[in-house]
Amino acid sequence: MIKGDFKDKLINVIASIIAIIFILEQLGKKVIRNALLEQLYSRKSIILIKFKSVYRPLISSYNLLVDSSEKNTEKASDTPVWQCEPFILSGYRKQTFSYTKCFKSIFYLHNESVNILSHLFGVFLFLYMFSRDYYTAKETFVYSWHSKRNEFIIISFYNASAVFCMLFSSIYHTFNCHSKDHSTCWLKIDFIGILVLIFGTFLTGIYYGFYYFKWLFIFYTSLISIISIAALIVSVSEKFSNPHGRALRAKVFSGIAISGILPLLNIHYIYGIDMILRSIILQYLFYSLILYGIGVVIYANRFPERFWPGKFDLFMGSHQLFHISVLLAAYTYYHALSYAFFNDYILTLGYYYNTHLYPYTI
């Protein structure tokens, strides 16, 4: 009888324990569920807070940008003749007569926005590449830096010429809505930047092409210097600086570029077509010249806005495409210079010279 009572009590205890476990389990699930819901709600709150603190100001900034663009720009029919470009019908900034207002125009959309930002990006890109290559070179050529220093100076000169070109260009396109006289002044500065880049391109090409022919290097450097100075004198003339002198500007800059054919022919005469085809410098110079050429043709012919007036006022107009082609061409050529510097291109050139041309004389 005692054993039966003990057995019943044991069963009751076990049943009670099971019931308690079940209740605790249900309570635990409820607690966990509530915790998860609370966490979910808190995440939603965080998202809402982020939306209010971050995304909503961005949307407001975008709306402000659009409002500023509509408020501070006008159509070609309302714009002074000196400021108008053929086939560009809208997006012109109003004359500000204030450099502060010109600078603020960077932060709203108009038909010069791409021109400004593309070359402003180029300024920071080339500054970054210079600092990157400088510190890499100091670490790579620890024991031969003295012999590589002059070569790096030449490459740095090209980098600096690209920075000046991009900087002067972005400055001109930022401040050309100030007034007619100020726009003309900054336009001349823009032309100087273009000439500096052309000179820097030729100088580096001549340096590598005639590294073992010093007098030819001096001759062609002097020649391109004279041509650049003559072009500089022409570029500051009133006729050249006229906003409608686009065709004349394209011809002058194309003529300077074509003058580079002479040293290329001389290099071909010295080394032959085999060396030219294997030269990383000349290959990428050729690629960059193609990009420059495409940009000049597009710029001079006002493509594509000539065929679709008003469709390319803000994006992908001829001037904007020209800016992009200049940026790509400059980057392409600097990439070749950087590659040649870090892979001892001069030693390769010297090996080819000594094994294929010696004792060659001019």
Protein backbone atom coordinates (compact mmCIF):
# COMPACT_ATOMS: atom_id res chain seq x y z
CA MET A 1 0.00 0.00 0.00
CA ILE A 2 2.85 2.31 0.86
CA LYS A 3 4.57 1.40 -2.34
CA GLY A 4 1.38 2.26 -4.27
CA ASP A 5 1.08 5.65 -2.58
CA PHE A 6 4.76 6.42 -3.27
CA LYS A 7 4.27 5.46 -6.88
CA ASP A 8 1.26 7.77 -7.21
CA LYS A 9 3.13 10.63 -5.55
CA LEU A 10 6.12 10.10 -7.85
CA ILE A 11 3.83 10.19 -10.87
CA ASN A 12 2.21 13.39 -9.60
CA VAL A 13 5.63 15.01 -9.01
CA ILE A 14 6.82 14.06 -12.49
CA ALA A 15 3.59 15.37 -13.99
CA SER A 16 3.98 18.61 -12.05
CA ILE A 17 7.57 18.98 -13.23
CA ILE A 18 6.50 18.40 -16.83
CA ALA A 19 3.71 20.95 -16.43
CA ILE A 20 6.13 23.49 -14.95
CA ILE A 21 8.62 22.87 -17.77
CA PHE A 22 5.83 23.31 -20.33
CA ILE A 23 4.68 26.55 -18.69
CA LEU A 24 8.26 27.85 -18.50
CA GLU A 25 8.80 26.91 -22.12
CA GLN A 26 5.68 28.82 -23.16
CA LEU A 27 6.73 31.78 -21.06
CA GLY A 28 10.22 31.61 -22.55
CA LYS A 29 8.83 31.57 -26.06
CA LYS A 30 6.66 34.56 -25.24
CA VAL A 31 9.61 36.44 -23.76
CA ILE A 32 11.79 35.62 -26.73
CA ARG A 33 9.01 36.58 -29.11
CA ASN A 34 8.50 39.86 -27.33
CA ALA A 35 12.23 40.50 -27.32
CA LEU A 36 12.41 39.82 -31.04
CA LEU A 37 9.45 42.08 -31.69
CA GLU A 38 11.00 44.77 -29.54
CA GLN A 39 14.28 44.43 -31.42
CA LEU A 40 12.43 44.56 -34.73
CA TYR A 41 10.57 47.67 -33.67
CA SER A 42 13.81 49.20 -32.45
CA ARG A 43 15.42 48.45 -35.81
CA LYS A 44 12.48 50.05 -37.53
CA SER A 45 12.94 53.02 -35.25
CA ILE A 46 16.64 53.15 -36.09
CA ILE A 47 15.81 53.00 -39.79
CA LEU A 48 13.26 55.75 -39.35
CA ILE A 49 15.75 57.81 -37.37
CA LYS A 50 18.41 57.26 -40.04
CA PHE A 51 15.90 58.18 -42.71
CA LYS A 52 15.04 61.37 -40.88
CA SER A 53 18.64 62.27 -40.04
CA VAL A 54 20.40 61.15 -43.24
CA TYR A 55 18.15 60.30 -46.14
CA ARG A 56 15.62 63.06 -45.74
CA PRO A 57 18.34 65.78 -45.74
CA LEU A 58 19.77 64.16 -48.88
CA ILE A 59 16.39 64.32 -50.53
CA SER A 60 16.03 67.90 -49.34
CA SER A 61 19.49 68.69 -50.70
CA TYR A 62 18.54 67.17 -54.03
CA ASN A 63 15.34 69.21 -54.12
CA LEU A 64 17.35 72.28 -53.15
CA LEU A 65 19.83 71.52 -55.94
CA VAL A 66 17.00 71.24 -58.46
CA ASP A 67 15.36 74.40 -57.12
CA SER A 68 18.70 76.26 -57.23
CA SER A 69 19.26 75.05 -60.78
CA GLU A 70 15.86 76.29 -61.90
CA LYS A 71 16.30 79.54 -59.99
CA ASN A 72 19.83 80.38 -61.18
CA THR A 73 19.75 79.16 -64.77
CA GLU A 74 18.01 80.47 -67.83
CA LYS A 75 17.31 79.65 -71.45
CA ALA A 76 19.46 80.77 -74.37
CA SER A 77 16.83 83.33 -75.35
CA ASP A 78 17.39 85.12 -72.03
CA THR A 79 21.20 84.79 -72.03
CA PRO A 80 23.70 87.38 -73.35
CA VAL A 81 25.01 86.54 -76.82
CA TRP A 82 28.63 86.24 -75.65
CA GLN A 83 27.63 83.49 -73.22
CA CYS A 84 25.55 81.40 -75.64
CA GLU A 85 26.71 78.27 -77.43
CA PRO A 86 25.02 77.18 -80.67
CA PHE A 87 22.50 74.34 -80.26
CA ILE A 88 22.63 74.58 -76.43
CA LEU A 89 19.19 75.94 -75.57
CA SER A 90 19.02 75.90 -71.77
CA GLY A 91 20.94 75.50 -68.52
CA TYR A 92 22.88 78.76 -68.75
CA ARG A 93 23.89 80.39 -65.49
CA LYS A 94 22.86 83.98 -65.03
CA GLN A 95 25.60 86.58 -64.91
CA THR A 96 26.61 86.82 -61.27
CA PHE A 97 29.19 89.65 -61.17
CA SER A 98 30.40 87.82 -58.06
CA TYR A 99 33.10 85.17 -57.65
CA THR A 100 31.33 83.85 -54.57
CA LYS A 101 28.16 83.19 -56.55
CA CYS A 102 30.22 81.65 -59.35
CA PHE A 103 31.81 79.26 -56.87
CA LYS A 104 28.43 78.33 -55.42
CA SER A 105 27.30 77.33 -58.90
CA ILE A 106 29.44 74.20 -58.54
CA PHE A 107 26.74 72.86 -56.23
CA TYR A 108 23.76 73.08 -58.56
CA LEU A 109 23.09 71.68 -62.01
CA HIS A 110 23.70 73.70 -65.17
CA ASN A 111 25.24 73.21 -68.61
CA GLU A 112 28.80 73.71 -67.29
CA SER A 113 28.52 71.23 -64.40
CA VAL A 114 30.08 68.28 -66.25
CA ASN A 115 32.87 70.49 -67.61
CA ILE A 116 33.73 71.69 -64.10
CA LEU A 117 33.47 68.40 -62.24
CA SER A 118 35.17 66.20 -64.86
CA HIS A 119 38.39 68.20 -64.81
CA LEU A 120 38.16 68.90 -61.09
CA PHE A 121 38.13 65.13 -60.68
CA GLY A 122 41.17 65.01 -62.97
CA VAL A 123 43.07 67.38 -60.66
CA PHE A 124 42.63 65.08 -57.66
CA LEU A 125 43.27 61.98 -59.78
CA PHE A 126 46.68 63.19 -61.00
CA LEU A 127 47.66 64.48 -57.56
CA TYR A 128 46.83 61.07 -56.12
CA MET A 129 48.83 59.25 -58.82
CA PHE A 130 51.81 61.53 -58.25
CA SER A 131 51.87 60.89 -54.49
CA ARG A 132 51.32 57.16 -55.02
CA ASP A 133 54.15 56.84 -57.55
CA TYR A 134 56.51 59.03 -55.54
CA TYR A 135 56.29 56.95 -52.37
CA THR A 136 56.33 53.70 -54.36
CA ALA A 137 59.44 54.84 -56.22
CA LYS A 138 61.24 55.81 -53.00
CA GLU A 139 60.58 52.33 -51.62
CA THR A 140 61.31 50.45 -54.86
CA PHE A 141 64.51 52.24 -55.87
CA VAL A 142 66.10 52.65 -52.45
CA TYR A 143 69.63 52.10 -53.75
CA SER A 144 69.19 53.51 -57.26
CA TRP A 145 67.03 56.57 -56.56
CA HIS A 146 69.82 58.94 -57.61
CA SER A 147 69.95 57.44 -61.10
CA LYS A 148 66.15 57.34 -61.41
CA ARG A 149 65.58 60.85 -60.06
CA ASN A 150 65.88 62.72 -63.36
CA GLU A 151 63.51 60.31 -65.04
CA PHE A 152 60.98 60.79 -62.26
CA ILE A 153 61.31 64.58 -62.58
CA ILE A 154 60.37 64.34 -66.26
CA ILE A 155 57.34 62.18 -65.44
CA SER A 156 56.38 64.55 -62.63
CA PHE A 157 56.55 67.45 -65.07
CA TYR A 158 53.93 65.72 -67.21
CA ASN A 159 51.83 65.08 -64.13
CA ALA A 160 52.09 68.75 -63.15
CA SER A 161 51.15 69.84 -66.69
CA ALA A 162 48.03 67.66 -66.51
CA VAL A 163 47.12 69.11 -63.11
CA PHE A 164 47.53 72.68 -64.38
CA CYS A 165 45.47 71.95 -67.48
CA MET A 166 42.62 70.38 -65.50
CA LEU A 167 42.76 73.06 -62.81
CA PHE A 168 42.75 76.01 -65.22
CA SER A 169 39.93 74.40 -67.17
CA SER A 170 37.72 73.83 -64.14
CA ILE A 171 38.44 77.37 -62.89
CA TYR A 172 37.46 78.88 -66.24
CA HIS A 173 34.22 76.93 -66.47
CA THR A 174 33.38 77.87 -62.88
CA PHE A 175 33.94 81.61 -63.25
CA ASN A 176 32.92 82.23 -66.87
CA CYS A 177 29.45 83.34 -65.75
CA HIS A 178 30.89 86.31 -63.83
CA SER A 179 30.89 88.79 -66.70
CA LYS A 180 32.10 89.07 -70.28
CA ASP A 181 35.49 90.62 -69.46
CA HIS A 182 36.25 88.16 -66.68
CA SER A 183 35.13 85.23 -68.82
CA THR A 184 37.51 86.27 -71.60
CA CYS A 185 40.38 86.55 -69.11
CA TRP A 186 39.77 83.09 -67.66
CA LEU A 187 39.37 81.65 -71.15
CA LYS A 188 42.95 82.70 -71.92
CA ILE A 189 44.09 80.95 -68.74
CA ASP A 190 42.26 77.84 -69.96
CA PHE A 191 44.19 77.97 -73.26
CA ILE A 192 47.47 78.29 -71.40
CA GLY A 193 46.62 75.12 -69.47
CA ILE A 194 45.99 73.24 -72.72
CA LEU A 195 49.33 74.39 -74.13
CA VAL A 196 51.12 73.34 -70.94
CA LEU A 197 49.64 69.84 -71.22
CA ILE A 198 50.63 69.55 -74.89
CA PHE A 199 54.16 70.68 -74.06
CA GLY A 200 54.39 68.21 -71.17
CA THR A 201 53.22 65.38 -73.42
CA PHE A 202 55.81 66.14 -76.09
CA LEU A 203 58.61 66.66 -73.59
CA THR A 204 58.22 63.22 -72.03
CA GLY A 205 57.90 61.54 -75.43
CA ILE A 206 61.03 63.30 -76.68
CA TYR A 207 62.89 62.44 -73.47
CA TYR A 208 62.32 58.72 -73.89
CA GLY A 209 62.52 58.68 -77.68
CA PHE A 210 65.89 60.46 -77.84
CA TYR A 211 67.38 59.40 -74.52
CA TYR A 212 70.56 58.17 -76.25
CA PHE A 213 70.66 61.15 -78.65
CA LYS A 214 71.04 64.19 -76.42
CA TRP A 215 71.41 66.74 -79.18
CA LEU A 216 68.18 65.54 -80.82
CA PHE A 217 66.46 65.81 -77.46
CA ILE A 218 67.68 69.42 -77.14
CA PHE A 219 66.69 70.21 -80.74
CA TYR A 220 63.13 68.91 -80.48
CA THR A 221 62.64 70.38 -77.01
CA SER A 222 63.66 73.77 -78.39
CA LEU A 223 61.39 73.33 -81.40
CA ILE A 224 58.30 72.44 -79.39
CA SER A 225 59.11 75.28 -76.97
CA ILE A 226 59.14 77.80 -79.83
CA ILE A 227 55.89 76.42 -81.25
CA SER A 228 54.25 76.50 -77.82
CA ILE A 229 55.34 80.10 -77.19
CA ALA A 230 54.01 81.15 -80.60
CA ALA A 231 50.73 79.39 -79.85
CA LEU A 232 50.64 81.11 -76.46
CA ILE A 233 50.95 84.52 -78.11
CA VAL A 234 48.15 83.65 -80.51
CA SER A 235 45.97 82.27 -77.71
CA VAL A 236 45.91 85.55 -75.77
CA SER A 237 44.74 87.51 -78.81
CA GLU A 238 41.18 88.81 -78.76
CA LYS A 239 40.16 86.90 -81.89
CA PHE A 240 41.40 83.63 -80.45
CA SER A 241 39.72 84.25 -77.10
CA ASN A 242 36.37 85.05 -78.67
CA PRO A 243 33.83 82.45 -77.52
CA HIS A 244 32.86 81.93 -81.17
CA GLY A 245 36.44 81.25 -82.27
CA ARG A 246 36.04 77.53 -81.61
CA ALA A 247 37.10 76.46 -85.13
CA LEU A 248 40.26 78.59 -84.95
CA ARG A 249 41.17 77.15 -81.55
CA ALA A 250 40.65 73.60 -82.81
CA LYS A 251 42.92 74.30 -85.81
CA VAL A 252 45.71 75.81 -83.68
CA PHE A 253 45.75 73.01 -81.12
CA SER A 254 45.48 70.38 -83.87
CA GLY A 255 48.40 72.03 -85.66
CA ILE A 256 50.52 71.81 -82.53
CA ALA A 257 49.61 68.15 -82.13
CA ILE A 258 50.45 67.42 -85.77
CA SER A 259 53.89 68.99 -85.26
CA GLY A 260 54.61 65.98 -83.06
CA ILE A 261 54.69 63.80 -86.18
CA LEU A 262 58.20 65.06 -87.03
CA PRO A 263 59.95 63.58 -83.96
CA LEU A 264 57.92 60.39 -84.41
CA LEU A 265 59.25 60.06 -87.96
CA ASN A 266 62.76 60.63 -86.64
CA ILE A 267 62.30 57.92 -84.02
CA HIS A 268 61.06 55.60 -86.76
CA TYR A 269 64.16 56.42 -88.80
CA ILE A 270 66.45 55.62 -85.87
CA TYR A 271 64.86 52.53 -84.36
CA GLY A 272 62.63 51.19 -87.10
CA ILE A 273 59.02 50.11 -86.99
CA ASP A 274 59.84 47.02 -84.91
CA MET A 275 60.99 49.07 -81.93
CA ILE A 276 58.08 51.49 -82.25
CA LEU A 277 55.57 48.64 -82.17
CA ARG A 278 57.24 47.28 -79.03
CA SER A 279 57.55 50.65 -77.30
CA ILE A 280 55.03 51.00 -74.49
CA ILE A 281 55.54 54.78 -74.45
CA LEU A 282 54.91 55.28 -78.15
CA GLN A 283 51.99 52.86 -78.18
CA TYR A 284 50.17 54.68 -75.41
CA LEU A 285 51.13 58.05 -76.88
CA PHE A 286 49.42 56.89 -80.06
CA TYR A 287 46.33 55.83 -78.09
CA SER A 288 46.20 59.15 -76.27
CA LEU A 289 46.57 61.06 -79.55
CA ILE A 290 43.61 59.13 -80.93
CA LEU A 291 41.55 60.11 -77.88
CA TYR A 292 42.64 63.74 -78.25
CA GLY A 293 41.78 63.62 -81.95
CA ILE A 294 38.32 62.21 -81.30
CA GLY A 295 37.71 64.91 -78.71
CA VAL A 296 38.84 67.71 -81.04
CA VAL A 297 36.67 66.45 -83.93
CA ILE A 298 33.62 66.23 -81.64
CA TYR A 299 34.37 69.67 -80.18
CA ALA A 300 34.90 71.40 -83.53
CA ASN A 301 31.79 69.89 -85.14
CA ARG A 302 29.51 70.36 -82.12
CA PHE A 303 28.40 66.76 -82.14
CA PRO A 304 25.83 65.58 -81.08
CA GLU A 305 23.91 68.78 -80.18
CA ARG A 306 24.16 69.98 -83.79
CA PHE A 307 21.72 67.24 -84.82
CA TRP A 308 19.55 67.28 -81.69
CA PRO A 309 19.43 70.87 -80.39
CA GLY A 310 18.38 71.12 -76.75
CA LYS A 311 18.77 67.39 -76.07
CA PHE A 312 22.34 67.60 -74.74
CA ASP A 313 22.24 70.86 -72.82
CA LEU A 314 23.21 69.36 -69.46
CA PHE A 315 24.89 66.06 -70.32
CA MET A 316 26.97 64.57 -73.15
CA GLY A 317 27.33 67.74 -75.21
CA SER A 318 30.35 68.22 -77.48
CA HIS A 319 32.30 70.30 -74.97
CA GLN A 320 31.63 67.79 -72.21
CA LEU A 321 32.70 64.87 -74.41
CA PHE A 322 35.84 66.83 -75.28
CA HIS A 323 36.62 67.22 -71.57
CA ILE A 324 36.15 63.51 -70.96
CA SER A 325 38.37 62.59 -73.93
CA VAL A 326 41.13 64.91 -72.65
CA LEU A 327 40.92 63.34 -69.19
CA LEU A 328 41.06 59.79 -70.60
CA ALA A 329 43.92 60.66 -72.97
CA ALA A 330 45.99 62.29 -70.22
CA TYR A 331 45.40 59.35 -67.88
CA THR A 332 46.26 56.83 -70.61
CA TYR A 333 49.59 58.48 -71.34
CA TYR A 334 50.50 58.90 -67.67
CA HIS A 335 49.75 55.21 -67.14
CA ALA A 336 52.33 54.44 -69.85
CA LEU A 337 54.91 56.75 -68.26
CA SER A 338 54.39 55.18 -64.85
CA TYR A 339 54.68 51.67 -66.30
CA ALA A 340 57.85 52.59 -68.17
CA PHE A 341 59.41 54.14 -65.08
CA PHE A 342 58.83 51.17 -62.79
CA ASN A 343 59.83 48.61 -65.42
CA ASP A 344 63.14 50.26 -66.41
CA TYR A 345 62.07 51.15 -69.92
CA ILE A 346 65.28 53.12 -70.50
CA LEU A 347 67.36 50.00 -69.81
CA THR A 348 65.26 48.09 -72.34
CA LEU A 349 65.70 50.91 -74.84
CA GLY A 350 69.44 50.92 -74.18
CA TYR A 351 69.66 47.17 -74.68
CA TYR A 352 67.84 47.47 -78.00
CA TYR A 353 70.04 50.39 -79.00
CA ASN A 354 73.30 48.62 -78.13
CA THR A 355 72.38 45.26 -79.69
CA HIS A 356 70.60 46.43 -82.85
CA LEU A 357 72.00 49.84 -83.75
CA TYR A 358 75.56 50.08 -82.47
CA PRO A 359 77.70 51.61 -83.90
CA TYR A 360 74.87 53.75 -85.32
CA THR A 361 75.56 57.42 -85.99
CA ILE A 362 73.44 60.31 -87.20
